[in-house]
Amino acid sequence: MNKRQISESIEVGIFLALSGGFMDAYSYINRGKVFANAETGNIILMALKVCEGKFFEAVNYLIPIISFAVGVAICEIIKYRKERINMIHWRQILVLFEIFAFIVVGFLPQEMNRVANSIISMISGIQFATFPKIRGTAMATTMCTGNLKTGTQNMYRGIKTGDKSAIEKGLYYYVCILVFILGTTVGYFAVKLMAEKAIFLAALAMINIFIMMFKEFED
């Protein structure tokens, strides 16, 4: 039987989407109304602040944009040095990094929201680049626009042609969106109860992923 990577499994995808929705809710509600994952939104808000002449406030949105790019770069650096890593998978190293970063964020006070948002956005960039597929299908777990587009395309194609595999793929995208929404909902209530420490729940999700990645699935 062929082996498929646990990192592309539905189980891991669920935890990733939960974490993705949670991060956006946490950063927006508790860290100064900044989206950790949605860099398009941050770019728009930054441009609007610049137009209003509020350059200092524009920096609040520039920082997570740069941090997201740094996260993607970190993923690429670890990925292309994986031949030197023997004990654990290169993705697990990045997951451990995410766990540590989440814990750091949980201890940062409100006065350090810029630092907290930059770390969360960096984590988002790492997650986006580290886990680009679910069951072999390109899918984002830190944002929804692309998933909504591709999911709808697959559903339409599947219904029109009777292609069950296309319908199945479309459903994967829609499920990912629903789980993302669930993560956002959990994030809302967690922040109300735990404030800055709510981010520890996202760390727990990543700990589960780290443990799961010691296994292999068979097709």
N, C-alpha and C. Protein backbone atom coordinates (compact mmCIF):
# COMPACT_ATOMS: atom_id res chain seq x y z
N MET A 1 0.84 -1.20 0.00
CA MET A 1 0.00 0.00 0.00
C MET A 1 0.87 1.26 0.00
N ASN A 2 0.36 2.31 -0.63
CA ASN A 2 1.08 3.57 -0.64
C ASN A 2 0.85 4.32 0.67
N LYS A 3 1.89 5.01 1.09
CA LYS A 3 1.79 5.81 2.29
C LYS A 3 1.44 7.25 1.90
N ARG A 4 0.54 7.85 2.65
CA ARG A 4 0.30 9.27 2.43
C ARG A 4 0.65 10.02 3.71
N GLN A 5 1.12 11.23 3.54
CA GLN A 5 1.61 12.00 4.66
C GLN A 5 0.47 12.39 5.60
N ILE A 6 0.72 12.21 6.90
CA ILE A 6 -0.27 12.62 7.90
C ILE A 6 -0.51 14.12 7.84
N SER A 7 0.51 14.87 7.39
CA SER A 7 0.38 16.33 7.32
C SER A 7 -0.68 16.77 6.32
N GLU A 8 -1.08 15.88 5.40
CA GLU A 8 -2.12 16.21 4.44
C GLU A 8 -3.45 15.55 4.77
N SER A 9 -3.56 14.96 5.96
CA SER A 9 -4.78 14.25 6.34
C SER A 9 -5.89 15.22 6.74
N ILE A 10 -7.11 14.74 6.68
CA ILE A 10 -8.26 15.55 7.09
C ILE A 10 -8.17 15.89 8.57
N GLU A 11 -7.68 14.93 9.36
CA GLU A 11 -7.59 15.15 10.80
C GLU A 11 -6.68 16.34 11.13
N VAL A 12 -5.53 16.36 10.50
CA VAL A 12 -4.61 17.49 10.71
C VAL A 12 -5.23 18.77 10.16
N GLY A 13 -5.88 18.66 8.99
CA GLY A 13 -6.51 19.84 8.39
C GLY A 13 -7.55 20.48 9.30
N ILE A 14 -8.28 19.66 10.04
CA ILE A 14 -9.29 20.19 10.97
C ILE A 14 -8.64 21.03 12.06
N PHE A 15 -7.57 20.50 12.66
CA PHE A 15 -6.87 21.25 13.71
C PHE A 15 -6.25 22.53 13.15
N LEU A 16 -5.74 22.47 11.92
CA LEU A 16 -5.14 23.64 11.30
C LEU A 16 -6.18 24.73 11.04
N ALA A 17 -7.35 24.33 10.52
CA ALA A 17 -8.41 25.30 10.24
C ALA A 17 -8.95 25.91 11.53
N LEU A 18 -9.07 25.08 12.57
CA LEU A 18 -9.48 25.60 13.88
C LEU A 18 -8.50 26.65 14.37
N SER A 19 -7.21 26.33 14.25
CA SER A 19 -6.17 27.26 14.67
C SER A 19 -6.20 28.53 13.83
N GLY A 20 -6.43 28.39 12.52
CA GLY A 20 -6.47 29.54 11.64
C GLY A 20 -7.58 30.51 12.00
N GLY A 21 -8.78 29.99 12.20
CA GLY A 21 -9.89 30.85 12.60
C GLY A 21 -9.68 31.46 13.97
N PHE A 22 -9.10 30.68 14.86
CA PHE A 22 -8.83 31.14 16.23
C PHE A 22 -7.86 32.31 16.22
N MET A 23 -6.79 32.21 15.42
CA MET A 23 -5.79 33.28 15.39
C MET A 23 -6.38 34.61 14.95
N ASP A 24 -7.23 34.58 13.92
CA ASP A 24 -7.83 35.83 13.45
C ASP A 24 -8.75 36.44 14.50
N ALA A 25 -9.55 35.61 15.15
CA ALA A 25 -10.44 36.12 16.20
C ALA A 25 -9.63 36.70 17.35
N TYR A 26 -8.59 36.00 17.74
CA TYR A 26 -7.76 36.44 18.87
C TYR A 26 -7.09 37.77 18.58
N SER A 27 -6.46 37.90 17.41
CA SER A 27 -5.73 39.12 17.10
C SER A 27 -6.67 40.31 16.90
N TYR A 28 -7.85 40.04 16.33
CA TYR A 28 -8.79 41.14 16.08
C TYR A 28 -9.47 41.61 17.36
N ILE A 29 -9.93 40.67 18.16
CA ILE A 29 -10.67 41.02 19.38
C ILE A 29 -9.75 41.50 20.48
N ASN A 30 -8.60 40.84 20.62
CA ASN A 30 -7.78 41.06 21.81
C ASN A 30 -6.47 41.80 21.55
N ARG A 31 -6.12 42.00 20.28
CA ARG A 31 -4.82 42.60 20.00
C ARG A 31 -4.92 43.79 19.05
N GLY A 32 -5.94 44.61 19.21
CA GLY A 32 -6.00 45.88 18.49
C GLY A 32 -6.65 45.86 17.13
N LYS A 33 -7.59 44.91 16.92
CA LYS A 33 -8.36 44.86 15.68
C LYS A 33 -7.48 44.71 14.43
N VAL A 34 -6.51 43.83 14.53
CA VAL A 34 -5.65 43.48 13.40
C VAL A 34 -5.91 42.02 13.03
N PHE A 35 -6.02 41.74 11.73
CA PHE A 35 -6.19 40.36 11.28
C PHE A 35 -4.83 39.69 11.16
N ALA A 36 -4.64 38.60 11.89
CA ALA A 36 -3.36 37.90 11.85
C ALA A 36 -3.14 37.21 10.52
N ASN A 37 -4.20 36.68 9.93
CA ASN A 37 -4.07 35.84 8.74
C ASN A 37 -4.42 36.56 7.44
N ALA A 38 -5.41 37.43 7.49
CA ALA A 38 -5.94 38.04 6.27
C ALA A 38 -5.09 39.24 5.87
N GLU A 39 -3.98 38.98 5.18
CA GLU A 39 -3.08 40.07 4.83
C GLU A 39 -3.68 41.00 3.79
N THR A 40 -4.61 40.52 2.98
CA THR A 40 -5.30 41.41 2.04
C THR A 40 -6.05 42.49 2.82
N GLY A 41 -6.73 42.06 3.88
CA GLY A 41 -7.44 43.03 4.72
C GLY A 41 -6.49 44.01 5.37
N ASN A 42 -5.34 43.53 5.83
CA ASN A 42 -4.36 44.41 6.45
C ASN A 42 -3.78 45.40 5.45
N ILE A 43 -3.56 44.94 4.21
CA ILE A 43 -3.04 45.84 3.17
C ILE A 43 -4.04 46.96 2.88
N ILE A 44 -5.33 46.59 2.82
CA ILE A 44 -6.37 47.60 2.56
C ILE A 44 -6.43 48.60 3.71
N LEU A 45 -6.45 48.08 4.95
CA LEU A 45 -6.53 48.96 6.12
C LEU A 45 -5.30 49.86 6.22
N MET A 46 -4.14 49.32 5.88
CA MET A 46 -2.91 50.13 5.90
C MET A 46 -3.01 51.27 4.89
N ALA A 47 -3.47 50.94 3.68
CA ALA A 47 -3.59 51.96 2.64
C ALA A 47 -4.58 53.05 3.04
N LEU A 48 -5.69 52.64 3.68
CA LEU A 48 -6.69 53.61 4.12
C LEU A 48 -6.13 54.55 5.18
N LYS A 49 -5.34 53.98 6.10
CA LYS A 49 -4.72 54.80 7.14
C LYS A 49 -3.74 55.80 6.55
N VAL A 50 -3.01 55.36 5.53
CA VAL A 50 -2.07 56.26 4.85
C VAL A 50 -2.84 57.39 4.18
N CYS A 51 -3.95 57.05 3.52
CA CYS A 51 -4.78 58.07 2.87
C CYS A 51 -5.33 59.08 3.87
N GLU A 52 -5.59 58.62 5.08
CA GLU A 52 -6.11 59.50 6.13
C GLU A 52 -4.99 60.28 6.82
N GLY A 53 -3.76 60.01 6.43
CA GLY A 53 -2.63 60.70 7.05
C GLY A 53 -2.25 60.14 8.40
N LYS A 54 -2.78 58.97 8.73
CA LYS A 54 -2.50 58.36 10.03
C LYS A 54 -1.38 57.31 9.84
N PHE A 55 -0.18 57.83 9.62
CA PHE A 55 0.94 56.97 9.27
C PHE A 55 1.35 56.06 10.42
N PHE A 56 1.27 56.55 11.63
CA PHE A 56 1.65 55.75 12.79
C PHE A 56 0.71 54.55 12.93
N GLU A 57 -0.59 54.78 12.71
CA GLU A 57 -1.55 53.68 12.79
C GLU A 57 -1.38 52.71 11.63
N ALA A 58 -0.92 53.21 10.49
CA ALA A 58 -0.69 52.34 9.32
C ALA A 58 0.36 51.28 9.62
N VAL A 59 1.30 51.63 10.50
CA VAL A 59 2.36 50.69 10.85
C VAL A 59 1.78 49.45 11.52
N ASN A 60 0.66 49.62 12.25
CA ASN A 60 0.02 48.48 12.91
C ASN A 60 -0.36 47.39 11.92
N TYR A 61 -0.62 47.79 10.68
CA TYR A 61 -1.02 46.82 9.65
C TYR A 61 0.16 46.39 8.79
N LEU A 62 1.18 47.24 8.70
CA LEU A 62 2.37 46.88 7.92
C LEU A 62 3.15 45.76 8.61
N ILE A 63 3.24 45.82 9.93
CA ILE A 63 4.03 44.84 10.69
C ILE A 63 3.55 43.40 10.45
N PRO A 64 2.24 43.10 10.57
CA PRO A 64 1.82 41.72 10.31
C PRO A 64 2.02 41.27 8.87
N ILE A 65 1.96 42.21 7.91
CA ILE A 65 2.20 41.87 6.51
C ILE A 65 3.63 41.38 6.33
N ILE A 66 4.58 42.14 6.87
CA ILE A 66 5.99 41.75 6.78
C ILE A 66 6.23 40.45 7.55
N SER A 67 5.61 40.33 8.71
CA SER A 67 5.80 39.14 9.55
C SER A 67 5.30 37.88 8.86
N PHE A 68 4.18 37.99 8.14
CA PHE A 68 3.65 36.85 7.38
C PHE A 68 4.69 36.38 6.36
N ALA A 69 5.29 37.34 5.65
CA ALA A 69 6.30 36.99 4.65
C ALA A 69 7.51 36.34 5.31
N VAL A 70 7.88 36.82 6.49
CA VAL A 70 9.00 36.22 7.23
C VAL A 70 8.68 34.77 7.59
N GLY A 71 7.44 34.52 7.99
CA GLY A 71 7.02 33.17 8.33
C GLY A 71 7.15 32.22 7.15
N VAL A 72 6.74 32.68 5.98
CA VAL A 72 6.88 31.86 4.77
C VAL A 72 8.35 31.57 4.48
N ALA A 73 9.19 32.59 4.67
CA ALA A 73 10.63 32.42 4.43
C ALA A 73 11.23 31.40 5.40
N ILE A 74 10.81 31.46 6.67
CA ILE A 74 11.30 30.51 7.67
C ILE A 74 10.96 29.09 7.26
N CYS A 75 9.74 28.89 6.78
CA CYS A 75 9.31 27.56 6.30
C CYS A 75 10.22 27.06 5.19
N GLU A 76 10.52 27.94 4.23
CA GLU A 76 11.35 27.54 3.10
C GLU A 76 12.77 27.20 3.55
N ILE A 77 13.30 27.95 4.50
CA ILE A 77 14.65 27.68 5.01
C ILE A 77 14.73 26.30 5.64
N ILE A 78 13.73 25.99 6.51
CA ILE A 78 13.72 24.68 7.17
C ILE A 78 13.47 23.57 6.15
N LYS A 79 12.58 23.80 5.22
CA LYS A 79 12.23 22.79 4.22
C LYS A 79 13.43 22.38 3.38
N TYR A 80 14.22 23.34 2.95
CA TYR A 80 15.34 23.03 2.06
C TYR A 80 16.60 22.59 2.80
N ARG A 81 16.50 22.54 4.11
CA ARG A 81 17.60 21.96 4.90
C ARG A 81 17.18 20.66 5.56
N LYS A 82 16.08 20.09 5.08
CA LYS A 82 15.51 18.91 5.72
C LYS A 82 16.43 17.70 5.64
N GLU A 83 17.37 17.69 4.69
CA GLU A 83 18.25 16.54 4.58
C GLU A 83 19.18 16.43 5.80
N ARG A 84 19.30 17.50 6.57
CA ARG A 84 20.13 17.48 7.76
C ARG A 84 19.33 17.10 9.01
N ILE A 85 18.03 16.91 8.84
CA ILE A 85 17.15 16.63 9.96
C ILE A 85 16.76 15.15 9.92
N ASN A 86 17.11 14.42 10.96
CA ASN A 86 16.90 12.98 10.94
C ASN A 86 15.86 12.50 11.96
N MET A 87 15.81 13.12 13.12
CA MET A 87 14.99 12.60 14.21
C MET A 87 13.49 12.80 13.97
N ILE A 88 13.10 13.96 13.48
CA ILE A 88 11.70 14.24 13.25
C ILE A 88 11.53 14.90 11.88
N HIS A 89 10.29 14.92 11.40
CA HIS A 89 10.00 15.52 10.09
C HIS A 89 10.21 17.04 10.18
N TRP A 90 10.63 17.63 9.06
CA TRP A 90 10.88 19.08 9.06
C TRP A 90 9.63 19.88 9.42
N ARG A 91 8.45 19.35 9.06
CA ARG A 91 7.22 20.04 9.42
C ARG A 91 7.02 20.07 10.94
N GLN A 92 7.45 19.01 11.61
CA GLN A 92 7.31 18.97 13.07
C GLN A 92 8.16 20.03 13.75
N ILE A 93 9.31 20.33 13.17
CA ILE A 93 10.15 21.40 13.71
C ILE A 93 9.41 22.73 13.66
N LEU A 94 8.74 22.97 12.55
CA LEU A 94 7.98 24.21 12.40
C LEU A 94 6.77 24.24 13.33
N VAL A 95 6.14 23.08 13.54
CA VAL A 95 5.02 23.01 14.47
C VAL A 95 5.49 23.32 15.89
N LEU A 96 6.64 22.79 16.28
CA LEU A 96 7.22 23.09 17.59
C LEU A 96 7.49 24.59 17.73
N PHE A 97 7.98 25.18 16.66
CA PHE A 97 8.23 26.62 16.66
C PHE A 97 6.93 27.39 16.87
N GLU A 98 5.87 26.94 16.21
CA GLU A 98 4.56 27.58 16.37
C GLU A 98 4.07 27.47 17.81
N ILE A 99 4.20 26.30 18.40
CA ILE A 99 3.76 26.09 19.78
C ILE A 99 4.48 27.05 20.73
N PHE A 100 5.80 27.12 20.58
CA PHE A 100 6.60 28.02 21.41
C PHE A 100 6.17 29.47 21.21
N ALA A 101 5.94 29.86 19.96
CA ALA A 101 5.55 31.24 19.65
C ALA A 101 4.18 31.57 20.25
N PHE A 102 3.23 30.64 20.17
CA PHE A 102 1.92 30.86 20.78
C PHE A 102 2.05 31.10 22.29
N ILE A 103 2.88 30.31 22.93
CA ILE A 103 3.07 30.46 24.37
C ILE A 103 3.66 31.83 24.71
N VAL A 104 4.62 32.27 23.92
CA VAL A 104 5.21 33.60 24.13
C VAL A 104 4.14 34.68 24.02
N VAL A 105 3.30 34.58 22.98
CA VAL A 105 2.24 35.57 22.76
C VAL A 105 1.30 35.64 23.97
N GLY A 106 0.99 34.48 24.55
CA GLY A 106 0.08 34.44 25.69
C GLY A 106 0.56 35.21 26.90
N PHE A 107 1.85 35.45 26.98
CA PHE A 107 2.41 36.17 28.13
C PHE A 107 2.70 37.63 27.82
N LEU A 108 2.42 38.06 26.61
CA LEU A 108 2.66 39.46 26.25
C LEU A 108 1.48 40.34 26.68
N PRO A 109 1.74 41.45 27.35
CA PRO A 109 0.65 42.35 27.79
C PRO A 109 0.09 43.15 26.62
N GLN A 110 -1.00 43.85 26.89
CA GLN A 110 -1.64 44.65 25.84
C GLN A 110 -0.71 45.72 25.28
N GLU A 111 0.22 46.19 26.10
CA GLU A 111 1.15 47.22 25.65
C GLU A 111 2.08 46.71 24.56
N MET A 112 2.11 45.39 24.36
CA MET A 112 2.99 44.80 23.35
C MET A 112 2.18 44.13 22.24
N ASN A 113 1.03 44.73 21.92
CA ASN A 113 0.17 44.16 20.88
C ASN A 113 0.85 44.08 19.52
N ARG A 114 1.68 45.06 19.20
CA ARG A 114 2.37 45.02 17.92
C ARG A 114 3.28 43.80 17.82
N VAL A 115 3.97 43.53 18.90
CA VAL A 115 4.84 42.36 18.93
C VAL A 115 4.01 41.08 18.83
N ALA A 116 2.91 41.05 19.59
CA ALA A 116 2.04 39.87 19.58
C ALA A 116 1.48 39.62 18.18
N ASN A 117 1.01 40.67 17.52
CA ASN A 117 0.44 40.51 16.18
C ASN A 117 1.49 40.10 15.16
N SER A 118 2.70 40.61 15.31
CA SER A 118 3.76 40.24 14.38
C SER A 118 4.10 38.76 14.52
N ILE A 119 4.10 38.26 15.76
CA ILE A 119 4.40 36.84 15.99
C ILE A 119 3.28 35.97 15.43
N ILE A 120 2.02 36.36 15.67
CA ILE A 120 0.89 35.59 15.18
C ILE A 120 0.88 35.55 13.65
N SER A 121 1.17 36.68 13.03
CA SER A 121 1.20 36.72 11.57
C SER A 121 2.34 35.87 11.02
N MET A 122 3.46 35.87 11.72
CA MET A 122 4.57 35.01 11.32
C MET A 122 4.16 33.54 11.40
N ILE A 123 3.45 33.18 12.47
CA ILE A 123 2.95 31.81 12.62
C ILE A 123 2.00 31.47 11.48
N SER A 124 1.14 32.43 11.14
CA SER A 124 0.20 32.22 10.04
C SER A 124 0.94 31.95 8.73
N GLY A 125 2.00 32.72 8.48
CA GLY A 125 2.79 32.50 7.27
C GLY A 125 3.45 31.13 7.26
N ILE A 126 3.94 30.72 8.42
CA ILE A 126 4.55 29.39 8.54
C ILE A 126 3.52 28.31 8.26
N GLN A 127 2.34 28.44 8.88
CA GLN A 127 1.30 27.42 8.69
C GLN A 127 0.83 27.37 7.24
N PHE A 128 0.66 28.53 6.63
CA PHE A 128 0.20 28.60 5.25
C PHE A 128 1.17 27.89 4.30
N ALA A 129 2.48 28.07 4.55
CA ALA A 129 3.49 27.48 3.67
C ALA A 129 3.82 26.03 4.02
N THR A 130 3.65 25.67 5.28
CA THR A 130 4.03 24.33 5.74
C THR A 130 2.97 23.29 5.39
N PHE A 131 1.71 23.69 5.42
CA PHE A 131 0.61 22.76 5.18
C PHE A 131 -0.25 23.27 4.03
N PRO A 132 0.26 23.15 2.79
CA PRO A 132 -0.48 23.71 1.65
C PRO A 132 -1.55 22.81 1.06
N LYS A 133 -1.60 21.53 1.52
CA LYS A 133 -2.54 20.59 0.91
C LYS A 133 -3.29 19.77 1.96
N ILE A 134 -4.51 19.38 1.61
CA ILE A 134 -5.30 18.42 2.39
C ILE A 134 -5.70 17.31 1.43
N ARG A 135 -5.29 16.10 1.74
CA ARG A 135 -5.55 14.94 0.88
C ARG A 135 -5.13 15.20 -0.57
N GLY A 136 -3.96 15.81 -0.72
CA GLY A 136 -3.42 16.06 -2.05
C GLY A 136 -4.01 17.25 -2.77
N THR A 137 -4.95 17.95 -2.14
CA THR A 137 -5.62 19.09 -2.77
C THR A 137 -5.12 20.39 -2.14
N ALA A 138 -4.68 21.33 -2.97
CA ALA A 138 -4.21 22.62 -2.46
C ALA A 138 -5.33 23.32 -1.69
N MET A 139 -5.04 23.67 -0.44
CA MET A 139 -6.08 24.26 0.41
C MET A 139 -5.43 25.11 1.49
N ALA A 140 -5.98 26.29 1.75
CA ALA A 140 -5.47 27.17 2.80
C ALA A 140 -6.28 26.97 4.07
N THR A 141 -5.58 26.89 5.20
CA THR A 141 -6.27 26.75 6.50
C THR A 141 -6.19 28.02 7.33
N THR A 142 -5.61 29.08 6.76
CA THR A 142 -5.49 30.34 7.50
C THR A 142 -6.33 31.45 6.89
N MET A 143 -7.03 31.15 5.80
CA MET A 143 -7.90 32.13 5.15
C MET A 143 -8.94 31.38 4.31
N CYS A 144 -9.97 32.09 3.85
CA CYS A 144 -11.11 31.39 3.24
C CYS A 144 -11.43 31.78 1.81
N THR A 145 -10.96 32.91 1.32
CA THR A 145 -11.37 33.39 0.00
C THR A 145 -11.07 32.39 -1.10
N GLY A 146 -9.82 31.92 -1.15
CA GLY A 146 -9.44 30.95 -2.17
C GLY A 146 -10.20 29.65 -2.05
N ASN A 147 -10.44 29.23 -0.81
CA ASN A 147 -11.19 27.99 -0.58
C ASN A 147 -12.63 28.12 -1.07
N LEU A 148 -13.23 29.28 -0.84
CA LEU A 148 -14.60 29.51 -1.29
C LEU A 148 -14.68 29.46 -2.82
N LYS A 149 -13.71 30.08 -3.47
CA LYS A 149 -13.69 30.09 -4.94
C LYS A 149 -13.51 28.67 -5.51
N THR A 150 -12.47 27.99 -5.03
CA THR A 150 -12.14 26.67 -5.58
C THR A 150 -13.20 25.64 -5.21
N GLY A 151 -13.72 25.75 -3.99
CA GLY A 151 -14.77 24.83 -3.57
C GLY A 151 -16.00 24.95 -4.43
N THR A 152 -16.39 26.19 -4.73
CA THR A 152 -17.56 26.44 -5.56
C THR A 152 -17.33 25.95 -7.00
N GLN A 153 -16.12 26.17 -7.51
CA GLN A 153 -15.80 25.69 -8.86
C GLN A 153 -15.92 24.18 -8.95
N ASN A 154 -15.39 23.49 -7.95
CA ASN A 154 -15.45 22.03 -7.95
C ASN A 154 -16.88 21.52 -7.81
N MET A 155 -17.66 22.17 -6.96
CA MET A 155 -19.04 21.75 -6.79
C MET A 155 -19.83 21.93 -8.08
N TYR A 156 -19.64 23.08 -8.74
CA TYR A 156 -20.35 23.33 -10.00
C TYR A 156 -19.94 22.30 -11.06
N ARG A 157 -18.63 22.07 -11.18
CA ARG A 157 -18.13 21.11 -12.16
C ARG A 157 -18.66 19.71 -11.87
N GLY A 158 -18.67 19.36 -10.59
CA GLY A 158 -19.13 18.03 -10.22
C GLY A 158 -20.61 17.82 -10.49
N ILE A 159 -21.42 18.83 -10.17
CA ILE A 159 -22.86 18.73 -10.39
C ILE A 159 -23.18 18.72 -11.89
N LYS A 160 -22.45 19.56 -12.66
CA LYS A 160 -22.71 19.67 -14.09
C LYS A 160 -22.32 18.40 -14.84
N THR A 161 -21.18 17.80 -14.47
CA THR A 161 -20.66 16.66 -15.21
C THR A 161 -20.90 15.32 -14.52
N GLY A 162 -21.38 15.37 -13.29
CA GLY A 162 -21.58 14.13 -12.55
C GLY A 162 -20.29 13.55 -11.98
N ASP A 163 -19.25 14.37 -11.93
CA ASP A 163 -17.95 13.94 -11.42
C ASP A 163 -17.98 13.95 -9.89
N LYS A 164 -18.08 12.77 -9.30
CA LYS A 164 -18.19 12.66 -7.84
C LYS A 164 -16.92 13.14 -7.13
N SER A 165 -15.77 12.92 -7.78
CA SER A 165 -14.52 13.36 -7.15
C SER A 165 -14.45 14.88 -7.03
N ALA A 166 -15.01 15.58 -8.01
CA ALA A 166 -15.04 17.05 -7.96
C ALA A 166 -15.96 17.52 -6.84
N ILE A 167 -17.10 16.85 -6.70
CA ILE A 167 -18.02 17.19 -5.60
C ILE A 167 -17.35 16.94 -4.25
N GLU A 168 -16.63 15.83 -4.16
CA GLU A 168 -15.93 15.51 -2.91
C GLU A 168 -14.90 16.58 -2.58
N LYS A 169 -14.14 17.02 -3.57
CA LYS A 169 -13.16 18.07 -3.35
C LYS A 169 -13.84 19.36 -2.93
N GLY A 170 -14.95 19.68 -3.58
CA GLY A 170 -15.69 20.88 -3.22
C GLY A 170 -16.14 20.85 -1.77
N LEU A 171 -16.60 19.67 -1.33
CA LEU A 171 -17.04 19.53 0.05
C LEU A 171 -15.88 19.72 1.03
N TYR A 172 -14.69 19.25 0.65
CA TYR A 172 -13.52 19.45 1.50
C TYR A 172 -13.29 20.94 1.76
N TYR A 173 -13.40 21.72 0.69
CA TYR A 173 -13.19 23.17 0.83
C TYR A 173 -14.25 23.80 1.73
N TYR A 174 -15.49 23.40 1.55
CA TYR A 174 -16.57 23.97 2.36
C TYR A 174 -16.44 23.55 3.83
N VAL A 175 -16.04 22.31 4.05
CA VAL A 175 -15.84 21.85 5.43
C VAL A 175 -14.71 22.65 6.08
N CYS A 176 -13.65 22.90 5.33
CA CYS A 176 -12.54 23.70 5.85
C CYS A 176 -13.02 25.08 6.27
N ILE A 177 -13.88 25.69 5.46
CA ILE A 177 -14.42 27.01 5.79
C ILE A 177 -15.27 26.95 7.06
N LEU A 178 -16.10 25.92 7.17
CA LEU A 178 -16.94 25.77 8.35
C LEU A 178 -16.11 25.57 9.62
N VAL A 179 -15.05 24.78 9.51
CA VAL A 179 -14.18 24.56 10.67
C VAL A 179 -13.45 25.85 11.02
N PHE A 180 -13.06 26.62 10.02
CA PHE A 180 -12.44 27.92 10.25
C PHE A 180 -13.38 28.83 11.04
N ILE A 181 -14.65 28.83 10.63
CA ILE A 181 -15.66 29.63 11.34
C ILE A 181 -15.81 29.14 12.78
N LEU A 182 -15.79 27.82 12.96
CA LEU A 182 -15.86 27.26 14.31
C LEU A 182 -14.68 27.73 15.15
N GLY A 183 -13.48 27.73 14.55
CA GLY A 183 -12.31 28.21 15.26
C GLY A 183 -12.43 29.67 15.66
N THR A 184 -13.01 30.48 14.77
CA THR A 184 -13.25 31.89 15.08
C THR A 184 -14.23 32.04 16.24
N THR A 185 -15.27 31.21 16.23
CA THR A 185 -16.27 31.25 17.30
C THR A 185 -15.66 30.86 18.63
N VAL A 186 -14.88 29.79 18.62
CA VAL A 186 -14.20 29.35 19.84
C VAL A 186 -13.26 30.46 20.32
N GLY A 187 -12.56 31.10 19.38
CA GLY A 187 -11.66 32.18 19.74
C GLY A 187 -12.37 33.33 20.41
N TYR A 188 -13.55 33.66 19.92
CA TYR A 188 -14.33 34.76 20.51
C TYR A 188 -14.63 34.51 21.98
N PHE A 189 -15.17 33.34 22.26
CA PHE A 189 -15.54 33.04 23.65
C PHE A 189 -14.31 32.79 24.53
N ALA A 190 -13.26 32.22 23.94
CA ALA A 190 -12.04 31.97 24.72
C ALA A 190 -11.40 33.28 25.16
N VAL A 191 -11.39 34.27 24.26
CA VAL A 191 -10.82 35.57 24.62
C VAL A 191 -11.63 36.23 25.73
N LYS A 192 -12.94 36.08 25.68
CA LYS A 192 -13.79 36.65 26.72
C LYS A 192 -13.48 36.04 28.09
N LEU A 193 -13.11 34.77 28.09
CA LEU A 193 -12.85 34.06 29.35
C LEU A 193 -11.39 34.16 29.80
N MET A 194 -10.48 34.13 28.84
CA MET A 194 -9.06 33.98 29.18
C MET A 194 -8.18 35.15 28.75
N ALA A 195 -8.75 36.11 28.03
CA ALA A 195 -7.99 37.27 27.55
C ALA A 195 -6.74 36.84 26.78
N GLU A 196 -5.57 37.38 27.12
CA GLU A 196 -4.34 37.09 26.38
C GLU A 196 -3.99 35.60 26.39
N LYS A 197 -4.33 34.93 27.47
CA LYS A 197 -3.96 33.50 27.62
C LYS A 197 -4.79 32.58 26.73
N ALA A 198 -5.81 33.11 26.07
CA ALA A 198 -6.65 32.27 25.21
C ALA A 198 -5.84 31.62 24.09
N ILE A 199 -4.76 32.25 23.68
CA ILE A 199 -3.95 31.72 22.59
C ILE A 199 -3.34 30.36 22.93
N PHE A 200 -3.31 30.02 24.21
CA PHE A 200 -2.78 28.71 24.61
C PHE A 200 -3.61 27.57 24.01
N LEU A 201 -4.89 27.84 23.72
CA LEU A 201 -5.72 26.82 23.09
C LEU A 201 -5.23 26.50 21.68
N ALA A 202 -4.74 27.51 20.98
CA ALA A 202 -4.17 27.28 19.66
C ALA A 202 -2.89 26.45 19.78
N ALA A 203 -2.14 26.69 20.85
CA ALA A 203 -0.94 25.89 21.09
C ALA A 203 -1.30 24.42 21.31
N LEU A 204 -2.41 24.17 22.00
CA LEU A 204 -2.86 22.80 22.23
C LEU A 204 -3.21 22.11 20.91
N ALA A 205 -3.83 22.85 20.01
CA ALA A 205 -4.16 22.28 18.69
C ALA A 205 -2.89 21.87 17.96
N MET A 206 -1.85 22.70 18.04
CA MET A 206 -0.61 22.39 17.36
C MET A 206 0.13 21.23 18.04
N ILE A 207 -0.02 21.11 19.35
CA ILE A 207 0.58 19.97 20.06
C ILE A 207 -0.05 18.67 19.56
N ASN A 208 -1.36 18.68 19.35
CA ASN A 208 -2.04 17.51 18.79
C ASN A 208 -1.49 17.16 17.42
N ILE A 209 -1.28 18.18 16.60
CA ILE A 209 -0.74 17.95 15.26
C ILE A 209 0.66 17.36 15.34
N PHE A 210 1.48 17.91 16.23
CA PHE A 210 2.85 17.41 16.39
C PHE A 210 2.86 15.92 16.73
N ILE A 211 1.98 15.52 17.64
CA ILE A 211 1.91 14.12 18.05
C ILE A 211 1.39 13.25 16.90
N MET A 212 0.37 13.73 16.21
CA MET A 212 -0.22 12.97 15.11
C MET A 212 0.78 12.72 13.99
N MET A 213 1.73 13.61 13.82
CA MET A 213 2.65 13.50 12.70
C MET A 213 3.70 12.41 12.89
N PHE A 214 3.70 11.73 14.02
CA PHE A 214 4.58 10.59 14.19
C PHE A 214 4.00 9.35 13.51
N LYS A 215 2.74 9.47 13.08
CA LYS A 215 2.07 8.32 12.45
C LYS A 215 2.09 8.47 10.94
N GLU A 216 1.84 7.38 10.25
CA GLU A 216 1.66 7.39 8.80
C GLU A 216 0.33 6.73 8.48
N PHE A 217 -0.35 7.26 7.47
CA PHE A 217 -1.61 6.67 7.02
C PHE A 217 -1.36 5.86 5.75
N GLU A 218 -2.16 4.84 5.55
CA GLU A 218 -2.09 4.07 4.32
C GLU A 218 -3.28 4.41 3.44
N ASP A 219 -3.04 4.49 2.14
CA ASP A 219 -4.14 4.74 1.19
C ASP A 219 -5.05 3.53 1.11
